[in-house]
Protein backbone atom coordinates (compact mmCIF):
# COMPACT_ATOMS: atom_id res chain seq x y z
CA MET A 1 48.40 139.30 46.68
CA THR A 2 48.54 141.23 49.46
CA ILE A 3 51.91 143.38 50.40
CA THR A 4 53.10 142.01 52.59
CA THR A 5 53.12 137.93 50.74
CA VAL A 6 55.23 139.76 47.32
CA VAL A 7 57.76 140.70 50.12
CA GLN A 8 57.93 137.49 51.50
CA ASP A 9 58.16 135.80 47.92
CA LEU A 10 60.46 138.56 46.77
CA SER A 11 62.69 137.67 49.90
CA MET A 12 62.26 134.28 49.62
CA GLU A 13 63.62 133.93 46.33
CA GLN A 14 66.77 135.56 47.16
CA HIS A 15 67.06 133.85 49.91
CA ALA A 16 66.44 130.92 48.03
CA PRO A 17 70.46 130.04 46.72
CA ALA A 18 71.53 130.74 50.16
CA MET A 19 69.99 128.55 51.42
CA SER A 20 70.61 125.80 48.87
CA ALA A 21 73.92 126.06 49.82
CA ARG A 22 73.76 125.84 52.80
CA CYS A 23 71.49 122.45 52.50
CA ARG A 24 74.42 121.24 50.86
CA ALA A 25 77.04 121.78 53.14
CA ALA A 26 75.19 120.02 55.68
CA LYS A 27 74.34 117.51 53.93
CA ARG A 28 78.44 116.52 52.92
CA GLN A 29 79.81 117.00 56.70
CA ARG A 30 77.27 114.37 58.14
CA GLY A 31 79.08 111.77 58.65
CA THR A 32 83.05 110.89 58.51
CA THR A 33 84.79 109.71 55.47
CA LEU A 34 86.55 106.79 55.03
CA VAL A 35 89.84 108.04 55.60
CA GLU A 36 89.50 109.58 58.60
CA SER A 37 87.47 106.54 59.94
CA LEU A 38 90.54 104.57 59.20
CA LEU A 39 92.75 106.93 60.52
CA ALA A 40 90.89 107.23 63.75
CA MET A 41 91.31 103.27 64.45
CA THR A 42 94.62 103.26 63.17
CA VAL A 43 95.77 105.79 66.22
CA PHE A 44 93.52 103.96 68.24
CA PHE A 45 95.51 100.28 67.85
CA VAL A 46 98.57 102.01 68.26
CA SER A 47 97.08 103.23 71.22
CA MET A 48 96.19 99.40 72.40
CA ILE A 49 99.24 98.41 71.62
CA ILE A 50 101.20 100.60 73.70
CA LEU A 51 99.34 100.34 76.63
CA TYR A 52 99.48 96.31 76.33
CA ALA A 53 103.22 96.24 76.56
CA CYS A 54 103.05 99.06 79.67
CA LEU A 55 101.05 96.42 81.35
CA LEU A 56 103.41 93.44 79.91
CA THR A 57 106.66 95.01 81.27
CA SER A 58 104.60 95.82 84.74
CA GLN A 59 103.60 92.20 85.37
CA VAL A 60 107.10 91.24 84.36
CA GLN A 61 109.01 93.44 86.79
CA SER A 62 106.26 92.59 89.27
CA THR A 63 107.37 89.34 89.01
CA VAL A 64 111.56 89.81 89.19
CA ASN A 65 110.58 91.84 92.15
CA LYS A 66 108.64 89.05 93.79
CA ASP A 67 111.38 86.50 93.35
CA ARG A 68 113.87 89.07 94.61
CA HIS A 69 112.23 89.14 97.72
CA ARG A 70 111.55 85.62 98.32
CA ALA A 71 115.31 84.81 97.93
CA LEU A 72 115.67 87.83 100.68
CA GLN A 73 113.74 86.33 102.54
CA ASP A 74 115.05 82.74 102.25
CA SER A 75 118.18 83.97 102.57
CA ARG A 76 117.34 86.00 105.84
CA ALA A 77 115.90 83.13 107.18
CA LEU A 78 119.40 81.27 106.82
CA LEU A 79 121.16 83.95 108.79
CA GLU A 80 118.40 83.69 111.49
CA GLN A 81 118.96 79.96 111.46
CA MET A 82 122.82 80.67 111.62
CA ALA A 83 122.53 82.16 114.31
CA THR A 84 121.06 79.40 116.46
CA ILE A 85 123.68 77.51 116.10
CA PRO A 86 126.47 77.64 118.44
CA ILE A 87 129.77 79.19 116.46
CA MET A 88 132.17 76.52 117.00
CA ASN A 89 129.22 74.20 114.95
CA LEU A 90 128.74 76.42 112.24
CA GLY A 91 131.00 74.46 109.68
CA ASP A 92 129.65 71.70 110.81
CA VAL A 93 125.95 72.32 109.85
CA PHE A 94 126.51 74.57 106.92
CA PRO A 95 130.11 73.33 105.36
CA HIS A 96 132.07 76.36 103.14
CA ASP A 97 131.23 76.32 99.64
CA THR A 98 128.21 73.77 99.70
CA TRP A 99 125.06 73.91 98.25
CA ILE A 100 121.91 73.24 100.81
CA PRO A 101 119.95 71.12 99.96
CA GLU A 102 116.79 72.38 102.52
CA PHE A 103 116.72 75.83 100.27
CA ASN A 104 116.17 73.99 97.11
CA ASP A 105 114.16 75.46 95.29
CA LEU A 106 112.51 76.53 98.61
CA HIS A 107 110.12 79.40 97.11
CA VAL A 108 111.97 80.72 93.86
CA ARG A 109 112.23 78.20 90.60
CA ASP A 110 115.80 77.22 90.82
CA GLN A 111 116.97 78.61 93.67
CA ARG A 112 120.26 77.29 95.47
CA VAL A 113 121.97 78.69 98.24
CA LYS A 114 125.35 78.16 100.73
CA VAL A 115 127.56 79.97 102.85
CA LEU A 116 131.06 81.08 101.64
CA TYR A 117 133.42 81.57 104.94
CA ALA A 118 135.88 84.72 105.04
CA ASN A 119 139.13 82.68 103.41
CA GLY A 120 137.21 79.73 103.04
CA ASP A 121 137.67 78.59 107.38
CA PRO A 122 134.95 78.40 109.73
CA GLU A 123 136.70 78.34 112.29
CA ALA A 124 138.16 82.12 112.34
CA VAL A 125 137.65 84.59 114.87
CA PRO A 126 135.60 86.66 114.38
CA LEU A 127 134.25 84.39 112.11
CA ALA A 128 132.80 87.01 108.60
CA TYR A 129 130.06 84.91 106.69
CA GLU A 130 128.39 85.48 103.36
CA VAL A 131 124.95 83.83 102.40
CA VAL A 132 124.77 83.44 98.44
CA SER A 133 121.68 82.99 96.74
CA ASN A 134 121.36 82.08 93.08
CA TRP A 135 118.16 81.88 91.25
CA SER A 136 116.19 81.87 87.42
CA SER A 137 114.35 84.67 86.56
CA MET A 138 111.08 84.59 84.62
CA GLU A 139 112.97 84.54 81.48
CA GLY A 140 115.11 81.72 82.59
CA ARG A 141 118.28 84.74 83.56
CA GLN A 142 120.38 83.94 86.42
CA ALA A 143 120.22 86.23 89.39
CA HIS A 144 121.91 85.96 92.68
CA MET A 145 122.07 87.70 96.56
CA ILE A 146 124.83 88.15 98.51
CA LEU A 147 124.48 89.05 102.03
CA LYS A 148 127.15 89.27 104.50
CA GLY A 149 127.20 88.57 107.90
CA VAL A 150 130.20 88.52 111.25
CA ARG A 151 129.68 86.36 114.12
CA ALA A 152 131.98 87.17 117.52
CA ARG A 153 132.98 84.54 119.92
């Protein structure tokens, strides 16, 4: 044996306990524990439930907005149609406080549209009126919209 091999053997013996402690620590930290895995899965599932709730809420709100927009377009179409009719005939074509069958369920579920004249008089000067639109939302709730108009003789 030479002097260098003796020194190497002595240094290996001094470091052997430290090396085995490091190896044992490394073996303990190789994977995740069951508790850590369950905690990670719980956080993941809770975040997925929150994300699903947000998506569901946005889809419902999108449908509500779409129905509201369609009802507005139908009411505007009636206002435009009323603008083309001579003012003296409006009360005959669209009677006061009567549902207009052409607009029933036109684009929105359970939609009904009617015209209300100021003081119930379609002969008034100037003629003020309201177009009232009622419909059912996706959840079955009743919704309504009122558009006002005025025509002079």
